[in-house]
Protein backbone atom coordinates (compact mmCIF):
# COMPACT_ATOMS: atom_id res chain seq x y z
CA MET A 1 0.16 0.02 -0.05
CA ARG A 2 1.33 3.25 -0.99
CA ALA A 3 2.15 6.01 1.83
CA GLY A 4 -1.31 8.02 2.18
CA PHE A 5 -3.69 5.49 1.32
CA VAL A 6 -5.78 3.07 3.07
CA LEU A 7 -8.01 0.09 2.58
CA ARG A 8 -11.71 0.24 3.52
CA ARG A 9 -14.66 -1.61 3.04
CA GLU A 10 -18.10 -0.67 1.88
CA GLY A 11 -20.43 -3.53 1.61
CA SER A 12 -18.80 -6.12 0.06
CA THR A 13 -16.44 -3.99 -1.82
CA LYS A 14 -12.82 -3.28 -1.03
CA LEU A 15 -11.46 0.13 -1.55
CA LYS A 16 -8.34 2.04 -1.90
CA VAL A 17 -8.80 5.39 -0.87
CA PRO A 18 -6.64 8.54 0.61
CA ALA A 19 -6.13 8.34 4.05
CA GLU A 20 -7.14 12.16 4.36
CA ILE A 21 -9.69 13.70 2.21
CA ARG A 22 -8.20 15.57 -1.04
CA ARG A 23 -9.62 17.05 -3.78
CA SER A 24 -7.82 15.11 -6.56
CA ALA A 25 -9.13 11.68 -5.64
CA PHE A 26 -11.92 12.74 -3.55
CA TYR A 27 -13.48 9.98 -1.18
CA ASN A 28 -15.93 11.01 1.77
CA PRO A 29 -16.61 8.20 4.19
CA LYS A 30 -19.71 9.90 5.60
CA MET A 31 -21.55 9.42 2.48
CA GLU A 32 -21.45 5.63 3.05
CA LEU A 33 -25.11 5.96 4.31
CA CYS A 34 -26.10 7.44 1.03
CA ARG A 35 -24.05 4.91 -0.93
CA ASP A 36 -25.85 2.28 0.85
CA VAL A 37 -29.30 3.67 0.08
CA ASP A 38 -28.05 4.12 -3.84
CA ILE A 39 -27.38 0.09 -3.76
CA ALA A 40 -30.43 -0.59 -2.33
CA CYS A 41 -32.31 1.56 -4.99
CA LEU A 42 -30.35 0.23 -7.90
CA ALA A 43 -31.07 -3.19 -6.97
CA ALA A 44 -34.63 -2.44 -6.80
CA PHE A 45 -34.80 -0.73 -10.20
CA LEU A 46 -32.64 -3.73 -11.95
CA ARG A 47 -35.06 -6.13 -10.12
CA THR A 48 -38.24 -4.13 -11.58
CA ALA A 49 -36.91 -3.24 -14.90
CA PRO A 50 -37.38 -5.15 -18.31
CA LYS A 51 -34.31 -7.53 -18.44
CA LYS A 52 -31.50 -6.30 -20.42
CA GLU A 53 -27.77 -4.89 -20.27
CA ARG A 54 -27.74 -1.45 -18.46
CA ARG A 55 -24.55 0.65 -18.06
CA TYR A 56 -24.10 2.93 -15.13
CA ALA A 57 -22.25 5.89 -15.42
CA ASP A 58 -20.50 7.43 -12.84
CA ALA A 59 -19.35 10.94 -14.31
CA LEU A 60 -17.49 12.35 -11.20
CA ALA A 61 -16.33 9.03 -9.51
CA GLY A 62 -13.27 10.38 -7.21
CA THR A 63 -11.87 7.14 -6.11
CA GLY A 64 -14.64 5.27 -7.84
CA VAL A 65 -16.53 4.00 -5.05
CA ARG A 66 -20.03 4.21 -6.60
CA GLY A 67 -19.42 2.50 -9.68
CA VAL A 68 -16.78 -0.27 -8.33
CA ARG A 69 -19.59 -0.77 -5.95
CA ALA A 70 -22.40 -0.87 -8.40
CA ALA A 71 -20.25 -3.41 -10.33
CA ASN A 72 -18.78 -5.58 -7.68
CA GLU A 73 -22.40 -5.80 -5.58
CA LEU A 74 -25.04 -5.74 -8.21
CA GLY A 75 -23.13 -6.93 -11.48
CA VAL A 76 -23.94 -3.72 -13.37
CA ALA A 77 -21.32 -2.85 -16.35
CA ALA A 78 -19.67 0.37 -14.87
CA GLU A 79 -18.39 3.31 -16.78
CA ILE A 80 -16.21 5.29 -14.10
CA ASN A 81 -14.98 8.65 -14.89
CA ASP A 82 -12.87 11.37 -13.16
CA LEU A 83 -10.79 14.23 -14.86
CA SER A 84 -8.11 13.94 -12.13
CA VAL A 85 -5.36 11.39 -13.23
CA GLU A 86 -4.83 10.39 -9.49
CA ALA A 87 -8.55 9.65 -9.35
CA TYR A 88 -8.18 7.51 -12.61
CA THR A 89 -5.29 5.56 -11.25
CA LEU A 90 -7.15 4.99 -8.03
CA ILE A 91 -10.35 3.80 -9.74
CA ASN A 92 -8.17 1.41 -11.87
CA GLU A 93 -6.79 -0.05 -8.75
CA ASN A 94 -10.09 -0.31 -7.00
CA ILE A 95 -11.34 -2.06 -10.28
CA ARG A 96 -8.48 -4.80 -10.04
CA LEU A 97 -8.89 -4.98 -6.14
CA ASN A 98 -12.12 -6.56 -6.72
CA GLY A 99 -11.59 -8.46 -10.05
CA LEU A 100 -13.97 -6.14 -12.02
CA GLU A 101 -11.53 -5.67 -15.31
CA GLY A 102 -14.64 -7.34 -17.57
CA LEU A 103 -17.30 -5.57 -16.03
CA ALA A 104 -16.09 -1.80 -14.99
CA ARG A 105 -13.72 0.59 -17.05
CA ALA A 106 -12.15 3.69 -15.94
CA HIS A 107 -12.20 7.16 -18.14
CA ASN A 108 -10.07 9.91 -17.67
CA LYS A 109 -12.29 13.04 -19.04
CA ASP A 110 -14.20 16.02 -18.41
CA ALA A 111 -17.32 14.69 -17.26
CA ASN A 112 -19.39 16.98 -19.69
CA VAL A 113 -17.21 15.52 -22.34
CA PHE A 114 -17.74 11.69 -20.99
CA LEU A 115 -21.54 12.21 -20.72
CA SER A 116 -21.91 13.83 -24.23
CA GLU A 117 -20.05 11.08 -25.68
CA HIS A 118 -22.72 8.12 -25.11
CA ARG A 119 -26.17 7.66 -23.88
CA TYR A 120 -26.15 5.77 -20.67
CA GLU A 121 -29.29 3.81 -18.98
CA ILE A 122 -28.20 4.92 -15.51
CA VAL A 123 -26.36 8.15 -14.86
CA ASP A 124 -24.97 9.02 -11.55
CA LEU A 125 -23.94 12.76 -10.81
CA ASP A 126 -22.39 13.25 -7.59
CA PRO A 127 -20.13 16.20 -7.68
CA PHE A 128 -18.22 18.13 -5.17
CA GLY A 129 -20.77 21.23 -4.73
CA SER A 130 -23.47 21.84 -7.22
CA PRO A 131 -24.77 19.71 -9.97
CA VAL A 132 -25.61 22.52 -12.25
CA PRO A 133 -22.48 22.72 -14.37
CA PHE A 134 -23.02 19.17 -15.36
CA LEU A 135 -26.76 18.93 -15.53
CA ASP A 136 -27.44 19.61 -19.41
CA SER A 137 -24.97 16.67 -20.33
CA ALA A 138 -26.66 14.52 -17.90
CA CYS A 139 -29.96 15.11 -18.70
CA ARG A 140 -29.09 14.58 -22.68
CA SER A 141 -27.19 11.41 -21.76
CA VAL A 142 -29.52 9.41 -19.35
CA THR A 143 -32.18 7.27 -20.54
CA GLU A 144 -33.80 5.22 -17.67
CA LEU A 145 -32.26 6.21 -14.12
CA LEU A 146 -30.68 9.69 -13.09
CA LEU A 147 -29.19 9.97 -9.45
CA VAL A 148 -28.28 13.38 -8.70
CA THR A 149 -26.25 14.70 -5.45
CA ALA A 150 -25.88 18.53 -4.35
CA THR A 151 -23.94 19.39 -1.36
CA ASP A 152 -24.42 23.17 -1.75
CA THR A 153 -27.21 23.22 0.44
CA ALA A 154 -26.65 26.81 1.54
CA PRO A 155 -27.88 28.10 -1.59
CA LEU A 156 -30.76 25.19 -2.31
CA CYS A 157 -31.89 26.27 1.41
CA GLY A 158 -31.73 29.98 1.39
CA ALA A 159 -28.94 30.52 3.69
CA HIS A 160 -26.59 31.99 0.57
CA PRO A 161 -27.97 34.51 -1.96
CA ALA A 162 -26.76 32.26 -4.88
CA GLY A 163 -29.84 29.98 -5.09
CA PRO A 164 -31.56 32.07 -7.70
CA ARG A 165 -28.55 32.30 -9.68
CA LYS A 166 -27.71 28.70 -9.78
CA TYR A 167 -30.99 26.91 -9.64
CA GLU A 168 -33.19 29.86 -11.00
CA ALA A 169 -35.53 29.52 -8.14
CA ILE A 170 -35.83 31.78 -5.07
CA PRO A 171 -35.59 29.41 -1.70
CA LEU A 172 -36.47 30.67 2.03
CA LYS A 173 -34.92 30.07 5.05
CA THR A 174 -37.76 28.12 6.90
CA GLU A 175 -37.58 25.61 9.58
CA TYR A 176 -38.32 23.12 6.67
CA HIS A 177 -35.56 24.35 4.51
CA ARG A 178 -34.18 20.45 3.84
CA GLU A 179 -37.51 19.89 1.79
CA MET A 180 -37.75 22.94 0.20
CA GLY A 181 -33.87 22.65 -1.01
CA THR A 182 -34.60 19.13 -2.20
CA ARG A 183 -37.99 20.50 -4.12
CA ILE A 184 -35.95 23.36 -5.58
CA LEU A 185 -33.14 20.70 -6.90
CA LEU A 186 -36.04 18.71 -8.43
CA GLY A 187 -37.34 21.55 -10.20
CA ALA A 188 -34.22 22.41 -11.62
CA VAL A 189 -33.25 18.95 -12.59
CA ILE A 190 -37.07 18.55 -14.26
CA ARG A 191 -36.86 21.84 -16.30
CA ARG A 192 -33.67 20.75 -17.70
CA LEU A 193 -34.86 17.39 -18.47
CA ALA A 194 -37.94 18.98 -20.24
CA ALA A 195 -35.55 20.65 -22.58
CA HIS A 196 -34.71 17.41 -23.86
CA GLU A 197 -38.22 16.31 -24.02
CA LYS A 198 -37.60 13.92 -21.17
CA ALA A 199 -39.70 13.65 -17.80
CA ALA A 200 -38.76 12.56 -14.46
CA THR A 201 -40.69 10.58 -11.66
CA PRO A 202 -39.11 10.84 -8.32
CA LEU A 203 -38.75 7.33 -6.76
CA LEU A 204 -36.57 8.50 -3.82
CA ALA A 205 -35.49 11.96 -2.73
CA TYR A 206 -34.19 12.93 0.64
CA ALA A 207 -31.75 15.41 2.48
CA ARG A 208 -29.04 15.15 5.15
CA ARG A 209 -27.28 17.65 6.79
CA HIS A 210 -24.66 18.32 3.84
CA PHE A 211 -26.17 16.98 0.85
CA VAL A 212 -29.52 16.35 -1.00
CA ARG A 213 -30.09 13.14 -3.04
CA LEU A 214 -32.50 12.35 -5.65
CA VAL A 215 -33.49 9.05 -7.62
CA LEU A 216 -35.39 9.88 -10.69
CA LYS A 217 -36.86 7.32 -13.23
CA ILE A 218 -36.64 8.89 -16.74
CA GLU A 219 -39.09 8.59 -19.61
CA ARG A 220 -39.07 10.14 -23.10
CA GLY A 221 -41.81 12.20 -24.63
CA ALA A 222 -42.80 15.97 -25.10
CA ARG A 223 -46.15 15.53 -23.20
CA ARG A 224 -44.52 13.55 -20.49
CA ALA A 225 -42.13 16.55 -20.05
CA ASP A 226 -45.07 18.96 -20.13
CA ALA A 227 -46.71 17.07 -17.66
CA ALA A 228 -43.65 17.25 -15.20
CA LEU A 229 -43.57 20.70 -15.54
CA ARG A 230 -46.88 20.88 -14.47
CA ARG A 231 -46.14 19.42 -11.18
CA LEU A 232 -43.93 22.66 -10.46
CA GLY A 233 -45.27 25.61 -8.34
CA PHE A 234 -44.48 27.60 -5.28
CA VAL A 235 -44.85 27.79 -1.55
CA ALA A 236 -46.08 30.80 0.29
CA HIS A 237 -44.94 30.92 3.89
CA CYS A 238 -45.58 33.49 6.85
CA PHE A 239 -42.93 34.20 8.92
CA GLY A 240 -45.26 35.49 11.53
CA CYS A 241 -47.28 32.58 12.34
CA GLY A 242 -45.75 29.72 10.55
CA ASN A 243 -48.64 29.21 8.11
CA ARG A 244 -47.64 27.80 4.57
CA ARG A 245 -49.42 26.84 1.77
CA PRO A 246 -48.53 25.56 -1.79
CA PHE A 247 -49.85 27.00 -5.25
CA SER A 248 -49.44 26.46 -8.88
CA CYS A 249 -47.61 28.32 -11.78
CA GLU A 250 -51.03 28.82 -13.31
CA ASP A 251 -52.23 30.40 -10.05
CA LEU A 252 -49.19 32.83 -9.89
CA LEU A 253 -49.76 33.84 -13.57
CA GLU A 254 -53.22 34.38 -13.17
CA SER A 255 -52.48 36.80 -10.06
CA GLU A 256 -54.65 34.08 -7.89
CA VAL A 257 -52.27 34.06 -4.96
CA GLU A 258 -53.48 35.36 -2.03
CA ARG A 259 -50.33 37.43 -0.37
CA ARG A 260 -51.93 37.99 3.04
CA CYS A 261 -51.51 35.18 5.54
CA ASP A 262 -55.18 33.81 6.05
CA HIS A 263 -54.29 32.82 9.72
CA CYS A 264 -52.51 35.91 11.04
CA GLY A 265 -53.22 38.67 8.56
CA GLY A 266 -49.27 39.06 7.83
CA GLY A 267 -47.41 39.10 4.69
CA MET A 268 -46.61 36.07 2.52
CA LYS A 269 -42.99 35.34 1.42
CA ILE A 270 -43.01 33.20 -1.65
CA ALA A 271 -40.58 30.22 -2.61
CA GLY A 272 -39.74 28.63 -6.03
CA PRO A 273 -40.21 27.44 -8.57
CA LEU A 274 -39.90 24.19 -6.96
CA TYR A 275 -41.47 20.64 -7.39
CA LEU A 276 -44.65 20.21 -5.73
CA GLY A 277 -45.69 16.56 -6.67
CA SER A 278 -44.80 13.45 -4.76
CA ILE A 279 -41.03 12.80 -4.11
CA ARG A 280 -41.05 9.07 -3.51
CA ASP A 281 -42.84 6.19 -4.88
CA GLU A 282 -44.41 3.57 -2.59
CA THR A 283 -43.96 0.55 -4.70
CA PHE A 284 -40.39 1.28 -5.33
CA CYS A 285 -39.50 2.14 -1.69
CA ASN A 286 -41.10 -1.42 -0.71
CA GLU A 287 -39.09 -3.01 -3.74
CA ALA A 288 -35.73 -1.42 -2.11
CA LEU A 289 -36.91 -2.54 1.33
CA ARG A 290 -37.12 -6.43 -0.20
CA ALA A 291 -33.76 -5.89 -1.96
CA LEU A 292 -31.87 -5.29 1.56
CA ASP A 293 -32.42 -9.00 2.39
CA GLY A 294 -29.77 -9.91 -0.45
CA LEU A 295 -27.33 -6.88 0.23
CA GLU A 296 -24.52 -6.48 2.46
CA LEU A 297 -24.82 -3.03 3.86
CA GLY A 298 -22.96 -1.43 6.68
CA MET A 299 -25.72 0.95 7.15
CA ARG A 300 -28.55 -1.37 6.91
CA ARG A 301 -30.48 0.01 9.78
CA GLN A 302 -30.27 3.75 8.61
CA VAL A 303 -31.34 2.75 4.81
CA GLU A 304 -34.14 0.79 6.15
CA LYS A 305 -35.61 3.76 8.14
CA ILE A 306 -34.91 6.26 5.40
CA LEU A 307 -36.84 3.97 2.88
CA LYS A 308 -39.87 3.33 5.36
CA THR A 309 -40.03 6.65 6.62
CA SER A 310 -40.24 8.10 2.83
CA ARG A 311 -42.77 5.22 1.78
CA ASP A 312 -45.28 6.56 4.35
CA GLU A 313 -44.69 10.32 4.22
CA LEU A 314 -47.65 12.15 3.12
CA ASP A 315 -47.62 13.71 -0.29
CA ILE A 316 -47.47 17.42 1.00
CA PRO A 317 -44.66 19.82 -0.32
CA PHE A 318 -43.42 20.82 3.38
CA TYR A 319 -43.62 19.64 6.86
CA TYR A 320 -43.70 21.36 10.35
CA GLU A 321 -41.09 21.25 12.99
CA HIS A 322 -42.69 20.18 16.24
CA HIS A 323 -40.05 21.99 18.45
CA ALA A 324 -40.25 25.09 16.45
CA LEU A 325 -43.97 25.05 16.81
CA CYS A 326 -43.87 24.69 20.60
CA LYS A 327 -41.40 27.48 21.25
CA ARG A 328 -43.72 29.66 19.46
CA LEU A 329 -46.64 28.40 21.52
CA LYS A 330 -44.54 28.53 24.87
CA ILE A 331 -45.46 24.90 25.53
CA THR A 332 -43.27 21.77 26.12
CA PRO A 333 -42.58 19.40 23.52
CA LEU A 334 -44.55 15.99 23.54
CA PRO A 335 -43.00 12.92 22.00
CA LEU A 336 -43.55 13.23 18.08
CA GLU A 337 -45.52 9.90 18.33
CA ALA A 338 -47.92 11.49 20.74
CA VAL A 339 -48.55 14.48 18.36
CA LEU A 340 -49.32 12.50 15.39
CA GLU A 341 -51.83 10.24 17.15
CA ALA A 342 -53.35 13.67 18.54
CA LEU A 343 -53.72 15.03 14.92
CA ARG A 344 -55.28 11.81 13.67
CA ALA A 345 -57.71 11.20 16.53
CA ALA A 346 -58.79 14.94 15.52
CA GLY A 347 -59.55 13.65 12.40
CA PHE A 348 -56.54 14.84 10.33
CA SER A 349 -53.64 12.92 8.39
CA ALA A 350 -50.47 12.79 9.99
CA SER A 351 -46.85 11.32 9.18
CA LYS A 352 -43.19 11.57 10.00
CA THR A 353 -41.12 12.93 7.47
CA VAL A 354 -37.61 11.68 6.19
CA PHE A 355 -36.41 15.41 6.40
CA SER A 356 -36.57 15.76 10.11
CA ASP A 357 -36.61 13.21 13.19
CA THR A 358 -38.63 16.15 14.84
CA GLY A 359 -40.56 16.99 11.94
CA PHE A 360 -44.19 15.92 11.16
CA LYS A 361 -46.56 16.34 7.93
CA THR A 362 -50.08 16.77 8.08
CA ASP A 363 -53.05 18.24 6.39
CA ALA A 364 -54.14 20.40 9.18
CA SER A 365 -54.08 23.96 9.10
CA ILE A 366 -51.63 25.82 11.11
CA GLU A 367 -54.63 26.83 13.68
CA LYS A 368 -55.70 23.57 13.90
CA ILE A 369 -52.29 22.25 14.51
CA ASN A 370 -51.82 24.97 17.30
CA GLU A 371 -55.33 23.68 18.56
CA VAL A 372 -54.23 19.98 19.08
CA LEU A 373 -50.72 20.87 20.51
CA ARG A 374 -52.24 23.00 23.11
CA ARG A 375 -55.03 20.58 23.89
CA SER A 376 -52.53 17.69 24.21
CA VAL A 377 -50.31 19.38 26.83
CA THR A 378 -53.40 20.48 28.98
């Protein structure tokens, strides 16, 4: 082993990686959970899609961990690319380390060039920062499944003013900023796909502290692309009382959006455009859960939690932070399960959210939520 490198194991795959984080051959051990989720999702996709050979293209591979794992653990033909010569060398070494010479191949090209040269059934875009510089090439190349990561969460979530410039959308810094950032990224990807007459159906979308991850089924056709665009819209948010509501692009264009809060009378701030549709597919999540039985994953329990929570989550484009609501009401927070039970007992739908361990989704208005919370602590 060369100095400065270590051997690691993810899933059933052996990896040679830098001992310290470096940009020239990037490997982030904190992303193992994301990669384990990806393996479960890829396994589910391959089991449910028509039988044929599929190529997995990892355009910004770093040490090649995603592509090498896909080839080693799922038998997918992997094309693994990075512009860095050091990364390209490591990718080749990791291919040999796992005996994948006939199944995986390394490339040393600019990511946009790599994606523009061929069409790939599965495209994985996992950049250091924003995926925007590579989105057009990825959307042109992909034919069946697109996976996208964004680690520039500050612009997506409203903590940095670059959001409109990068993603052509205005975010708001709310307590549900993780979901807002995820939906803004989804909107950007869907608009870019539509330019190539392609449509995306989210199979899974979630966020953690430093990244957003999308798993999208891709279909061709102008009508499908138009239908996907119609699922874009906006969210109006009142920073005075926490009230929020979604509305469509047509509502905004026809000036049918009420700019005053119907709960407290305050002004509403508007975020978007962003994706308002469902961000997970229940059948796909169940298939990914079933696929776990045949996989060796170091983060299996956490993967199962993400898949189950996503599967059971209500299709509402925002969530409520239990602790933030209780702080505003000056009451002591209850266990989250007690809040969900109280909302259901009051006749509303309620669920946990994949975006926060203390968040919940419900079809109750902010006024009814406050009533239920006050009543539950008395």
